[in-house]
Each structure stands twice: as C-alpha cells, then as structure tokens.
Amino acid sequence: MVLSLILGMHGTGFLYVNKKVANGIAPVLPGMFAADTLHDKLSYYDDSRKFETGTIAYSLFSAWSAGLGVVT
C-alpha cells in the first residue's frame, strides 16, 4: 500500500487502496459517513466511504485542490 501526502491542509487528504486488499482493512475510527445504522447495528459501506474518519472539511478542499494541481 502506498500512502501519499498531496499538499493538503489538516482535515483533507487522499488514500488509495487496491480493491484486492480493501476488504481486509477494517475501519478504526468510523466517521458519520462510514456506515449505515439500522436500529442498533452498524453496517459499514462496501465502498470507500467506510474509511471516512470524520466530517468532510469542505472549506479546506480549495487548498487541497491547489496542492493536487502542483503534483499533477
């Protein structure tokens, strides 16, 4: 697995996980968008949302986008 820092501010970032290993990685600190709650059961989504650890920092993504432009 390769972890890349793409010049984002704290609260932003990017994680690439190969689909072959994604099911073997369990979320540690699930955020509000990581799972669906039915009564008392927490059910993680099967896609990348299960890795969300907190609320989305919308205001910081303009800086993150600028950093992405530097490395691409």
N, C-alpha and C. Protein backbone atom coordinates (compact mmCIF):
# COMPACT_ATOMS: atom_id res chain seq x y z
N MET A 1 0.85 -1.17 0.00
CA MET A 1 0.00 0.00 0.00
C MET A 1 0.89 1.23 0.00
N VAL A 2 0.54 2.21 -0.78
CA VAL A 2 1.29 3.46 -0.86
C VAL A 2 0.41 4.58 -0.31
N LEU A 3 0.94 5.32 0.61
CA LEU A 3 0.23 6.46 1.18
C LEU A 3 0.90 7.72 0.68
N SER A 4 0.13 8.59 0.08
CA SER A 4 0.69 9.82 -0.48
C SER A 4 0.09 11.04 0.20
N LEU A 5 0.94 11.98 0.51
CA LEU A 5 0.50 13.28 1.01
C LEU A 5 0.48 14.22 -0.18
N ILE A 6 -0.68 14.80 -0.45
CA ILE A 6 -0.81 15.64 -1.64
C ILE A 6 -1.03 17.09 -1.24
N LEU A 7 -0.12 17.62 -0.44
CA LEU A 7 -0.09 19.04 -0.10
C LEU A 7 -1.43 19.58 0.39
N GLY A 8 -2.16 18.79 1.14
CA GLY A 8 -3.43 19.24 1.67
C GLY A 8 -3.28 19.76 3.09
N MET A 9 -4.25 20.51 3.52
CA MET A 9 -4.25 21.02 4.88
C MET A 9 -4.81 19.94 5.80
N HIS A 10 -4.60 20.11 7.12
CA HIS A 10 -5.11 19.15 8.09
C HIS A 10 -6.63 19.00 7.90
N GLY A 11 -7.08 17.78 7.80
CA GLY A 11 -8.51 17.52 7.59
C GLY A 11 -8.83 17.16 6.15
N THR A 12 -7.82 17.20 5.28
CA THR A 12 -8.01 16.80 3.89
C THR A 12 -6.97 15.74 3.56
N GLY A 13 -7.18 15.04 2.51
CA GLY A 13 -6.19 14.05 2.11
C GLY A 13 -6.77 13.09 1.09
N PHE A 14 -5.96 12.13 0.76
CA PHE A 14 -6.33 11.17 -0.27
C PHE A 14 -5.72 9.84 0.11
N LEU A 15 -6.47 8.79 0.01
CA LEU A 15 -5.97 7.45 0.30
C LEU A 15 -6.38 6.54 -0.84
N TYR A 16 -5.41 5.86 -1.42
CA TYR A 16 -5.71 4.87 -2.45
C TYR A 16 -5.48 3.49 -1.85
N VAL A 17 -6.49 2.63 -1.98
CA VAL A 17 -6.39 1.26 -1.52
C VAL A 17 -6.82 0.36 -2.67
N ASN A 18 -5.97 -0.59 -3.02
CA ASN A 18 -6.29 -1.54 -4.07
C ASN A 18 -7.53 -2.34 -3.68
N LYS A 19 -8.43 -2.56 -4.62
CA LYS A 19 -9.67 -3.28 -4.33
C LYS A 19 -9.43 -4.68 -3.79
N LYS A 20 -8.30 -5.28 -4.16
CA LYS A 20 -7.99 -6.63 -3.70
C LYS A 20 -7.75 -6.68 -2.19
N VAL A 21 -7.27 -5.60 -1.61
CA VAL A 21 -6.97 -5.59 -0.18
C VAL A 21 -7.96 -4.76 0.65
N ALA A 22 -8.83 -4.02 0.00
CA ALA A 22 -9.75 -3.11 0.72
C ALA A 22 -10.64 -3.85 1.71
N ASN A 23 -11.09 -5.04 1.37
CA ASN A 23 -11.96 -5.78 2.28
C ASN A 23 -11.21 -6.31 3.50
N GLY A 24 -9.89 -6.38 3.43
CA GLY A 24 -9.10 -6.84 4.56
C GLY A 24 -8.73 -5.75 5.54
N ILE A 25 -9.09 -4.51 5.24
CA ILE A 25 -8.77 -3.39 6.12
C ILE A 25 -10.04 -2.97 6.85
N ALA A 26 -9.98 -3.02 8.16
CA ALA A 26 -11.14 -2.64 8.98
C ALA A 26 -11.00 -1.21 9.45
N PRO A 27 -12.05 -0.41 9.34
CA PRO A 27 -12.00 0.96 9.85
C PRO A 27 -11.79 0.97 11.37
N VAL A 28 -10.98 1.92 11.84
CA VAL A 28 -10.68 2.02 13.27
C VAL A 28 -11.54 3.10 13.92
N LEU A 29 -11.61 4.26 13.28
CA LEU A 29 -12.39 5.39 13.80
C LEU A 29 -13.42 5.81 12.75
N PRO A 30 -14.55 5.11 12.68
CA PRO A 30 -15.52 5.45 11.64
C PRO A 30 -16.13 6.82 11.85
N GLY A 31 -16.34 7.53 10.75
CA GLY A 31 -16.98 8.82 10.80
C GLY A 31 -18.47 8.70 10.51
N MET A 32 -19.11 9.84 10.44
CA MET A 32 -20.56 9.83 10.28
C MET A 32 -21.02 9.36 8.90
N PHE A 33 -20.12 9.31 7.93
CA PHE A 33 -20.49 8.85 6.59
C PHE A 33 -19.96 7.45 6.29
N ALA A 34 -19.36 6.76 7.27
CA ALA A 34 -18.71 5.46 7.05
C ALA A 34 -19.66 4.28 7.06
N ALA A 35 -20.82 4.43 7.66
CA ALA A 35 -21.70 3.28 7.83
C ALA A 35 -23.16 3.71 7.85
N ASP A 36 -24.00 2.74 7.65
CA ASP A 36 -25.43 2.94 7.76
C ASP A 36 -25.86 2.32 9.08
N THR A 37 -26.70 2.99 9.81
CA THR A 37 -27.16 2.47 11.09
C THR A 37 -28.61 2.04 10.98
N LEU A 38 -28.84 0.79 11.28
CA LEU A 38 -30.19 0.25 11.33
C LEU A 38 -30.44 -0.22 12.76
N HIS A 39 -31.29 0.51 13.47
CA HIS A 39 -31.60 0.24 14.87
C HIS A 39 -30.31 0.26 15.69
N ASP A 40 -29.80 -0.88 16.11
CA ASP A 40 -28.58 -0.90 16.93
C ASP A 40 -27.40 -1.58 16.22
N LYS A 41 -27.51 -1.78 14.91
CA LYS A 41 -26.45 -2.44 14.15
C LYS A 41 -25.74 -1.43 13.25
N LEU A 42 -24.41 -1.42 13.32
CA LEU A 42 -23.59 -0.56 12.49
C LEU A 42 -23.13 -1.38 11.29
N SER A 43 -23.46 -0.94 10.10
CA SER A 43 -23.12 -1.67 8.88
C SER A 43 -22.27 -0.78 7.98
N TYR A 44 -20.96 -1.11 7.88
CA TYR A 44 -20.06 -0.32 7.04
C TYR A 44 -20.45 -0.45 5.58
N TYR A 45 -20.27 0.63 4.84
CA TYR A 45 -20.49 0.59 3.40
C TYR A 45 -19.40 -0.25 2.75
N ASP A 46 -19.68 -0.81 1.59
CA ASP A 46 -18.71 -1.66 0.89
C ASP A 46 -17.75 -0.87 0.00
N ASP A 47 -17.91 0.43 -0.05
CA ASP A 47 -17.04 1.24 -0.89
C ASP A 47 -16.11 2.10 -0.03
N SER A 48 -15.51 3.10 -0.63
CA SER A 48 -14.51 3.91 0.06
C SER A 48 -15.07 4.73 1.23
N ARG A 49 -16.36 4.87 1.31
CA ARG A 49 -16.94 5.64 2.42
C ARG A 49 -16.62 5.04 3.77
N LYS A 50 -16.36 3.73 3.83
CA LYS A 50 -16.08 3.10 5.12
C LYS A 50 -14.79 3.61 5.75
N PHE A 51 -13.93 4.29 4.98
CA PHE A 51 -12.68 4.82 5.50
C PHE A 51 -12.79 6.28 5.96
N GLU A 52 -13.95 6.89 5.83
CA GLU A 52 -14.14 8.26 6.30
C GLU A 52 -14.04 8.27 7.82
N THR A 53 -13.20 9.14 8.36
CA THR A 53 -12.99 9.16 9.81
C THR A 53 -13.67 10.32 10.52
N GLY A 54 -14.24 11.22 9.78
CA GLY A 54 -14.88 12.37 10.40
C GLY A 54 -15.74 13.09 9.39
N THR A 55 -16.18 14.26 9.77
CA THR A 55 -16.97 15.04 8.84
C THR A 55 -16.07 15.61 7.75
N ILE A 56 -16.61 15.90 6.62
CA ILE A 56 -15.85 16.39 5.49
C ILE A 56 -15.54 17.87 5.68
N ALA A 57 -14.28 18.24 5.51
CA ALA A 57 -13.83 19.63 5.68
C ALA A 57 -13.96 20.36 4.35
N TYR A 58 -15.19 20.71 3.99
CA TYR A 58 -15.46 21.33 2.69
C TYR A 58 -14.65 22.60 2.45
N SER A 59 -14.49 23.42 3.48
CA SER A 59 -13.81 24.70 3.29
C SER A 59 -12.32 24.54 3.00
N LEU A 60 -11.73 23.39 3.31
CA LEU A 60 -10.31 23.18 3.09
C LEU A 60 -9.99 22.58 1.72
N PHE A 61 -10.99 22.18 0.98
CA PHE A 61 -10.72 21.49 -0.27
C PHE A 61 -10.26 22.41 -1.40
N SER A 62 -10.43 23.70 -1.28
CA SER A 62 -9.87 24.59 -2.30
C SER A 62 -8.34 24.58 -2.20
N ALA A 63 -7.80 24.56 -0.98
CA ALA A 63 -6.34 24.46 -0.81
C ALA A 63 -5.85 23.08 -1.24
N TRP A 64 -6.58 22.04 -0.93
CA TRP A 64 -6.22 20.69 -1.31
C TRP A 64 -6.19 20.56 -2.82
N SER A 65 -7.17 21.15 -3.49
CA SER A 65 -7.22 21.12 -4.96
C SER A 65 -6.03 21.83 -5.57
N ALA A 66 -5.61 22.94 -4.97
CA ALA A 66 -4.43 23.66 -5.47
C ALA A 66 -3.18 22.81 -5.31
N GLY A 67 -3.05 22.11 -4.19
CA GLY A 67 -1.91 21.23 -3.99
C GLY A 67 -1.90 20.08 -4.96
N LEU A 68 -3.05 19.56 -5.27
CA LEU A 68 -3.17 18.49 -6.24
C LEU A 68 -2.72 18.97 -7.62
N GLY A 69 -3.03 20.22 -7.93
CA GLY A 69 -2.60 20.80 -9.20
C GLY A 69 -1.09 20.91 -9.30
N VAL A 70 -0.41 21.08 -8.18
CA VAL A 70 1.05 21.19 -8.19
C VAL A 70 1.70 19.84 -8.54
N VAL A 71 1.15 18.75 -8.04
CA VAL A 71 1.78 17.44 -8.23
C VAL A 71 1.30 16.71 -9.47
N THR A 72 0.29 17.21 -10.15
CA THR A 72 -0.19 16.52 -11.36
C THR A 72 0.25 17.22 -12.61
